[in-house]
Amino acid sequence: MGRSDSLSRRPAKRQPLRRIIIFCEGENTEPDYFRALERKYKRQALIALEIVPVGVPMTIAQRASARMKQRRGNSFDEKDQVWAVFDRDEHPNHEAAVRMCEQNRVGVARSNPCFEVWLILHEREFDRPDGRHAVQRYLKTLRPEYDPDKNKSCDCDHLVKSVEDAEARAARQLALRDREGVPFGPPSTTVGHLTAAIREAAQAAGRLSQR
């Protein structure tokens, strides 16, 4: 075998992971969900989620914005996405946190009143303007393993099988709020924007890895 043949058969260079960095307020529910989503897509594509539980919306916005500014500027870092995930609930400075994220090109996945609205949408349509506790109680009727008084954990590996259905239901929910003249009013969630971004990144990474 000649030297030129050896060189021509070098293995293709491995594509870098596409990272999506998620700052969120929950210690169990949100991280459990996004880790399940990572498991779903990492089997077929080069994607890594970095999940950072933080606290209230303003703290999340500050940490996510700072992370966005730290990107080194090379081609791989420029493909990274930074997202903030938080609830409306009764948090102070919620709108200011949204504005900070938007000003710093941080994606916003917000739920009103809480993240559990997004989980319900994996199972069915939901359009009751309930408060956080009522929403959590309703989720328990759909997912008995969920306990709003303890670790608030669901079988997320099962839920993420229906993520595209949830995205469609969330879009209809947001459209209803717009028609009512109360954009992002309860119930509503934009977490579907983030899951769609994760799916798209996984698909793009999968195409690159096959070249």
C-alpha atoms as a PDB file:
ATOM      1  CA  MET A   1       0.000   0.000   0.000  1.00  0.00           C
ATOM      2  CA  GLY A   2       1.416   3.371  -0.976  1.00  0.00           C
ATOM      3  CA  ARG A   3       1.694   6.409   1.243  1.00  0.00           C
ATOM      4  CA  SER A   4      -0.918   8.273  -0.805  1.00  0.00           C
ATOM      5  CA  ASP A   5      -3.409   5.414  -0.312  1.00  0.00           C
ATOM      6  CA  SER A   6      -2.857   5.523   3.449  1.00  0.00           C
ATOM      7  CA  LEU A   7      -3.405   9.240   3.595  1.00  0.00           C
ATOM      8  CA  SER A   8      -6.565   9.034   1.489  1.00  0.00           C
ATOM      9  CA  ARG A   9      -8.094   6.581   3.945  1.00  0.00           C
ATOM     10  CA  ARG A  10      -7.752   8.644   7.089  1.00  0.00           C
ATOM     11  CA  PRO A  11     -10.952   8.554   9.155  1.00  0.00           C
ATOM     12  CA  ALA A  12     -13.206  11.562   8.882  1.00  0.00           C
ATOM     13  CA  LYS A  13     -12.665  14.176  11.538  1.00  0.00           C
ATOM     14  CA  ARG A  14     -15.230  13.855  14.328  1.00  0.00           C
ATOM     15  CA  GLN A  15     -17.665  16.737  14.448  1.00  0.00           C
ATOM     16  CA  PRO A  16     -17.770  18.700  17.729  1.00  0.00           C
ATOM     17  CA  LEU A  17     -20.701  18.451  20.064  1.00  0.00           C
ATOM     18  CA  ARG A  18     -23.369  21.080  19.611  1.00  0.00           C
ATOM     19  CA  ARG A  19     -24.017  22.432  23.059  1.00  0.00           C
ATOM     20  CA  ILE A  20     -27.210  23.907  24.434  1.00  0.00           C
ATOM     21  CA  ILE A  21     -26.686  25.480  27.852  1.00  0.00           C
ATOM     22  CA  ILE A  22     -29.854  25.637  29.950  1.00  0.00           C
ATOM     23  CA  PHE A  23     -30.152  27.736  33.089  1.00  0.00           C
ATOM     24  CA  CYS A  24     -33.274  26.817  35.072  1.00  0.00           C
ATOM     25  CA  GLU A  25     -34.836  27.342  38.487  1.00  0.00           C
ATOM     26  CA  GLY A  26     -35.927  23.799  39.356  1.00  0.00           C
ATOM     27  CA  GLU A  27     -33.681  21.277  41.088  1.00  0.00           C
ATOM     28  CA  ASN A  28     -35.627  18.201  39.972  1.00  0.00           C
ATOM     29  CA  THR A  29     -38.460  18.688  37.491  1.00  0.00           C
ATOM     30  CA  GLU A  30     -36.725  20.783  34.845  1.00  0.00           C
ATOM     31  CA  PRO A  31     -33.300  19.073  34.983  1.00  0.00           C
ATOM     32  CA  ASP A  32     -34.940  15.629  34.922  1.00  0.00           C
ATOM     33  CA  TYR A  33     -36.961  16.577  31.858  1.00  0.00           C
ATOM     34  CA  PHE A  34     -34.080  18.018  29.857  1.00  0.00           C
ATOM     35  CA  ARG A  35     -31.763  15.129  30.742  1.00  0.00           C
ATOM     36  CA  ALA A  36     -34.411  12.754  29.394  1.00  0.00           C
ATOM     37  CA  LEU A  37     -34.544  14.815  26.211  1.00  0.00           C
ATOM     38  CA  GLU A  38     -30.758  14.640  25.934  1.00  0.00           C
ATOM     39  CA  ARG A  39     -30.882  10.857  26.275  1.00  0.00           C
ATOM     40  CA  LYS A  40     -33.519  10.713  23.549  1.00  0.00           C
ATOM     41  CA  TYR A  41     -31.455  12.638  20.993  1.00  0.00           C
ATOM     42  CA  LYS A  42     -27.890  11.903  22.008  1.00  0.00           C
ATOM     43  CA  ARG A  43     -28.294   8.338  20.759  1.00  0.00           C
ATOM     44  CA  GLN A  44     -28.631   9.635  17.208  1.00  0.00           C
ATOM     45  CA  ALA A  45     -26.664  12.895  17.127  1.00  0.00           C
ATOM     46  CA  LEU A  46     -23.787  14.849  18.602  1.00  0.00           C
ATOM     47  CA  ILE A  47     -25.586  17.049  21.090  1.00  0.00           C
ATOM     48  CA  ALA A  48     -24.823  17.884  24.714  1.00  0.00           C
ATOM     49  CA  LEU A  49     -27.041  19.735  27.143  1.00  0.00           C
ATOM     50  CA  GLU A  50     -25.457  21.614  30.010  1.00  0.00           C
ATOM     51  CA  ILE A  51     -28.115  22.064  32.711  1.00  0.00           C
ATOM     52  CA  VAL A  52     -27.497  24.594  35.475  1.00  0.00           C
ATOM     53  CA  PRO A  53     -30.146  24.834  38.241  1.00  0.00           C
ATOM     54  CA  VAL A  54     -29.944  28.391  39.573  1.00  0.00           C
ATOM     55  CA  GLY A  55     -32.897  30.101  41.270  1.00  0.00           C
ATOM     56  CA  VAL A  56     -35.369  32.903  40.573  1.00  0.00           C
ATOM     57  CA  PRO A  57     -35.878  34.409  37.081  1.00  0.00           C
ATOM     58  CA  MET A  58     -33.622  37.440  37.545  1.00  0.00           C
ATOM     59  CA  THR A  59     -30.744  35.335  38.839  1.00  0.00           C
ATOM     60  CA  ILE A  60     -31.213  32.927  35.942  1.00  0.00           C
ATOM     61  CA  ALA A  61     -31.240  35.826  33.456  1.00  0.00           C
ATOM     62  CA  GLN A  62     -28.049  37.268  34.943  1.00  0.00           C
ATOM     63  CA  ARG A  63     -26.198  33.938  34.887  1.00  0.00           C
ATOM     64  CA  ALA A  64     -27.371  33.062  31.381  1.00  0.00           C
ATOM     65  CA  SER A  65     -26.468  36.521  30.053  1.00  0.00           C
ATOM     66  CA  ALA A  66     -23.007  36.303  31.610  1.00  0.00           C
ATOM     67  CA  ARG A  67     -22.478  32.891  30.007  1.00  0.00           C
ATOM     68  CA  MET A  68     -23.503  34.250  26.638  1.00  0.00           C
ATOM     69  CA  LYS A  69     -20.865  36.980  26.932  1.00  0.00           C
ATOM     70  CA  GLN A  70     -18.158  34.461  27.828  1.00  0.00           C
ATOM     71  CA  ARG A  71     -18.278  32.607  24.536  1.00  0.00           C
ATOM     72  CA  ARG A  72     -14.795  32.717  23.072  1.00  0.00           C
ATOM     73  CA  GLY A  73     -15.924  33.535  19.572  1.00  0.00           C
ATOM     74  CA  ASN A  74     -14.564  30.588  17.628  1.00  0.00           C
ATOM     75  CA  SER A  75     -16.792  28.798  15.142  1.00  0.00           C
ATOM     76  CA  PHE A  76     -17.796  26.002  17.517  1.00  0.00           C
ATOM     77  CA  ASP A  77     -18.655  28.313  20.426  1.00  0.00           C
ATOM     78  CA  GLU A  78     -20.731  30.433  18.080  1.00  0.00           C
ATOM     79  CA  LYS A  79     -22.981  27.417  17.502  1.00  0.00           C
ATOM     80  CA  ASP A  80     -23.681  27.078  21.234  1.00  0.00           C
ATOM     81  CA  GLN A  81     -27.089  28.190  22.426  1.00  0.00           C
ATOM     82  CA  VAL A  82     -27.881  29.608  25.856  1.00  0.00           C
ATOM     83  CA  TRP A  83     -31.410  29.379  27.262  1.00  0.00           C
ATOM     84  CA  ALA A  84     -33.144  30.561  30.423  1.00  0.00           C
ATOM     85  CA  VAL A  85     -36.021  28.449  31.759  1.00  0.00           C
ATOM     86  CA  PHE A  86     -38.225  29.950  34.446  1.00  0.00           C
ATOM     87  CA  ASP A  87     -41.798  30.312  35.682  1.00  0.00           C
ATOM     88  CA  ARG A  88     -44.056  33.324  35.941  1.00  0.00           C
ATOM     89  CA  ASP A  89     -45.656  32.180  39.219  1.00  0.00           C
ATOM     90  CA  GLU A  90     -45.352  35.071  41.706  1.00  0.00           C
ATOM     91  CA  HIS A  91     -41.709  35.882  41.049  1.00  0.00           C
ATOM     92  CA  PRO A  92     -40.675  39.553  41.224  1.00  0.00           C
ATOM     93  CA  ASN A  93     -38.803  41.119  38.300  1.00  0.00           C
ATOM     94  CA  HIS A  94     -40.098  38.503  35.863  1.00  0.00           C
ATOM     95  CA  GLU A  95     -40.532  40.921  32.946  1.00  0.00           C
ATOM     96  CA  ALA A  96     -37.164  42.528  33.645  1.00  0.00           C
ATOM     97  CA  ALA A  97     -35.575  39.076  33.505  1.00  0.00           C
ATOM     98  CA  VAL A  98     -37.204  38.430  30.126  1.00  0.00           C
ATOM     99  CA  ARG A  99     -35.917  41.757  28.779  1.00  0.00           C
ATOM    100  CA  MET A 100     -32.384  41.047  29.993  1.00  0.00           C
ATOM    101  CA  CYS A 101     -32.379  37.699  28.213  1.00  0.00           C
ATOM    102  CA  GLU A 102     -33.704  39.193  24.997  1.00  0.00           C
ATOM    103  CA  GLN A 103     -31.098  41.975  25.079  1.00  0.00           C
ATOM    104  CA  ASN A 104     -28.308  39.416  25.442  1.00  0.00           C
ATOM    105  CA  ARG A 105     -29.655  36.969  22.822  1.00  0.00           C
ATOM    106  CA  VAL A 106     -30.483  34.356  25.444  1.00  0.00           C
ATOM    107  CA  GLY A 107     -33.439  32.149  24.536  1.00  0.00           C
ATOM    108  CA  VAL A 108     -36.381  32.353  26.945  1.00  0.00           C
ATOM    109  CA  ALA A 109     -38.506  29.325  27.818  1.00  0.00           C
ATOM    110  CA  ARG A 110     -41.053  30.669  30.275  1.00  0.00           C
ATOM    111  CA  SER A 111     -44.165  29.061  31.675  1.00  0.00           C
ATOM    112  CA  ASN A 112     -47.202  30.675  33.264  1.00  0.00           C
ATOM    113  CA  PRO A 113     -47.782  29.821  35.999  1.00  0.00           C
ATOM    114  CA  CYS A 114     -45.255  26.958  36.131  1.00  0.00           C
ATOM    115  CA  PHE A 115     -43.229  24.379  34.193  1.00  0.00           C
ATOM    116  CA  GLU A 116     -45.829  21.716  34.926  1.00  0.00           C
ATOM    117  CA  VAL A 117     -48.062  23.297  32.260  1.00  0.00           C
ATOM    118  CA  TRP A 118     -45.499  22.101  29.715  1.00  0.00           C
ATOM    119  CA  LEU A 119     -45.516  18.573  31.146  1.00  0.00           C
ATOM    120  CA  ILE A 120     -49.325  18.388  31.002  1.00  0.00           C
ATOM    121  CA  LEU A 121     -49.219  19.278  27.310  1.00  0.00           C
ATOM    122  CA  HIS A 122     -47.388  16.013  26.609  1.00  0.00           C
ATOM    123  CA  GLU A 123     -50.573  14.241  27.637  1.00  0.00           C
ATOM    124  CA  ARG A 124     -53.405  16.515  26.447  1.00  0.00           C
ATOM    125  CA  GLU A 125     -54.627  20.011  25.682  1.00  0.00           C
ATOM    126  CA  PHE A 126     -54.785  22.279  28.723  1.00  0.00           C
ATOM    127  CA  ASP A 127     -56.508  25.639  28.949  1.00  0.00           C
ATOM    128  CA  ARG A 128     -57.427  26.227  32.589  1.00  0.00           C
ATOM    129  CA  PRO A 129     -56.049  29.484  34.079  1.00  0.00           C
ATOM    130  CA  ASP A 130     -55.211  27.808  37.388  1.00  0.00           C
ATOM    131  CA  GLY A 131     -52.536  28.781  39.871  1.00  0.00           C
ATOM    132  CA  ARG A 132     -49.362  26.782  40.398  1.00  0.00           C
ATOM    133  CA  HIS A 133     -50.694  24.432  43.063  1.00  0.00           C
ATOM    134  CA  ALA A 134     -53.821  23.562  41.066  1.00  0.00           C
ATOM    135  CA  VAL A 135     -51.719  22.912  37.947  1.00  0.00           C
ATOM    136  CA  GLN A 136     -49.431  20.597  39.905  1.00  0.00           C
ATOM    137  CA  ARG A 137     -52.393  18.707  41.367  1.00  0.00           C
ATOM    138  CA  TYR A 138     -53.813  18.264  37.879  1.00  0.00           C
ATOM    139  CA  LEU A 139     -50.506  16.898  36.589  1.00  0.00           C
ATOM    140  CA  LYS A 140     -50.593  14.298  39.369  1.00  0.00           C
ATOM    141  CA  THR A 141     -53.932  13.013  38.037  1.00  0.00           C
ATOM    142  CA  LEU A 142     -52.198  12.372  34.701  1.00  0.00           C
ATOM    143  CA  ARG A 143     -48.850  11.171  36.038  1.00  0.00           C
ATOM    144  CA  PRO A 144     -49.366   9.416  39.415  1.00  0.00           C
ATOM    145  CA  GLU A 145     -45.598   9.190  39.997  1.00  0.00           C
ATOM    146  CA  TYR A 146     -45.454  12.988  40.206  1.00  0.00           C
ATOM    147  CA  ASP A 147     -45.633  14.238  43.806  1.00  0.00           C
ATOM    148  CA  PRO A 148     -45.991  18.024  44.143  1.00  0.00           C
ATOM    149  CA  ASP A 149     -45.142  17.808  47.853  1.00  0.00           C
ATOM    150  CA  LYS A 150     -41.841  15.957  47.456  1.00  0.00           C
ATOM    151  CA  ASN A 151     -39.360  15.718  44.591  1.00  0.00           C
ATOM    152  CA  LYS A 152     -41.786  16.702  41.791  1.00  0.00           C
ATOM    153  CA  SER A 153     -40.349  14.108  39.436  1.00  0.00           C
ATOM    154  CA  CYS A 154     -42.123  12.468  36.490  1.00  0.00           C
ATOM    155  CA  ASP A 155     -41.249   9.594  34.189  1.00  0.00           C
ATOM    156  CA  CYS A 156     -39.633  12.041  31.803  1.00  0.00           C
ATOM    157  CA  ASP A 157     -38.273   9.342  29.508  1.00  0.00           C
ATOM    158  CA  HIS A 158     -41.895   8.466  28.768  1.00  0.00           C
ATOM    159  CA  LEU A 159     -42.994  12.098  28.424  1.00  0.00           C
ATOM    160  CA  VAL A 160     -40.351  13.097  25.884  1.00  0.00           C
ATOM    161  CA  LYS A 161     -41.694  10.519  23.451  1.00  0.00           C
ATOM    162  CA  SER A 162     -44.551  13.010  22.918  1.00  0.00           C
ATOM    163  CA  VAL A 163     -42.466  16.181  22.758  1.00  0.00           C
ATOM    164  CA  GLU A 164     -43.632  17.156  19.268  1.00  0.00           C
ATOM    165  CA  ASP A 165     -47.270  16.762  20.316  1.00  0.00           C
ATOM    166  CA  ALA A 166     -46.550  19.012  23.296  1.00  0.00           C
ATOM    167  CA  GLU A 167     -44.970  21.621  21.017  1.00  0.00           C
ATOM    168  CA  ALA A 168     -48.085  21.696  18.828  1.00  0.00           C
ATOM    169  CA  ARG A 169     -50.396  22.011  21.828  1.00  0.00           C
ATOM    170  CA  ALA A 170     -48.252  24.769  23.329  1.00  0.00           C
ATOM    171  CA  ALA A 171     -48.365  26.698  20.044  1.00  0.00           C
ATOM    172  CA  ARG A 172     -52.167  26.508  20.033  1.00  0.00           C
ATOM    173  CA  GLN A 173     -52.236  27.604  23.646  1.00  0.00           C
ATOM    174  CA  LEU A 174     -50.054  30.642  22.903  1.00  0.00           C
ATOM    175  CA  ALA A 175     -52.234  31.524  19.911  1.00  0.00           C
ATOM    176  CA  LEU A 176     -55.310  31.522  22.176  1.00  0.00           C
ATOM    177  CA  ARG A 177     -53.628  33.897  24.625  1.00  0.00           C
ATOM    178  CA  ASP A 178     -52.734  36.218  21.739  1.00  0.00           C
ATOM    179  CA  ARG A 179     -56.328  36.249  20.490  1.00  0.00           C
ATOM    180  CA  GLU A 180     -57.506  37.037  23.999  1.00  0.00           C
ATOM    181  CA  GLY A 181     -55.133  40.009  24.146  1.00  0.00           C
ATOM    182  CA  VAL A 182     -53.073  38.559  27.022  1.00  0.00           C
ATOM    183  CA  PRO A 183     -49.852  37.227  25.448  1.00  0.00           C
ATOM    184  CA  PHE A 184     -48.106  34.792  27.806  1.00  0.00           C
ATOM    185  CA  GLY A 185     -51.064  34.892  30.182  1.00  0.00           C
ATOM    186  CA  PRO A 186     -52.006  31.706  32.060  1.00  0.00           C
ATOM    187  CA  PRO A 187     -51.841  29.008  30.991  1.00  0.00           C
ATOM    188  CA  SER A 188     -49.020  29.318  28.510  1.00  0.00           C
ATOM    189  CA  THR A 189     -45.490  28.126  27.933  1.00  0.00           C
ATOM    190  CA  THR A 190     -42.700  28.760  25.429  1.00  0.00           C
ATOM    191  CA  VAL A 191     -40.679  25.691  26.446  1.00  0.00           C
ATOM    192  CA  GLY A 192     -41.667  24.241  23.071  1.00  0.00           C
ATOM    193  CA  HIS A 193     -39.383  26.796  21.434  1.00  0.00           C
ATOM    194  CA  LEU A 194     -36.464  25.331  23.371  1.00  0.00           C
ATOM    195  CA  THR A 195     -37.332  21.692  22.666  1.00  0.00           C
ATOM    196  CA  ALA A 196     -37.710  22.507  18.977  1.00  0.00           C
ATOM    197  CA  ALA A 197     -34.241  24.098  19.050  1.00  0.00           C
ATOM    198  CA  ILE A 198     -32.852  20.948  20.682  1.00  0.00           C
ATOM    199  CA  ARG A 199     -34.468  18.735  18.053  1.00  0.00           C
ATOM    200  CA  GLU A 200     -33.184  20.914  15.228  1.00  0.00           C
ATOM    201  CA  ALA A 201     -29.651  20.927  16.671  1.00  0.00           C
ATOM    202  CA  ALA A 202     -29.746  17.151  17.009  1.00  0.00           C
ATOM    203  CA  GLN A 203     -30.915  16.739  13.427  1.00  0.00           C
ATOM    204  CA  ALA A 204     -28.233  19.117  12.135  1.00  0.00           C
ATOM    205  CA  ALA A 205     -25.525  17.352  14.148  1.00  0.00           C
ATOM    206  CA  GLY A 206     -26.774  14.016  12.878  1.00  0.00           C
ATOM    207  CA  ARG A 207     -26.470  15.159   9.280  1.00  0.00           C
ATOM    208  CA  LEU A 208     -22.901  16.377   9.890  1.00  0.00           C
ATOM    209  CA  SER A 209     -21.875  13.101  11.539  1.00  0.00           C
ATOM    210  CA  GLN A 210     -23.049  11.152   8.488  1.00  0.00           C
ATOM    211  CA  ARG A 211     -20.894  13.075   6.009  1.00  0.00           C
END
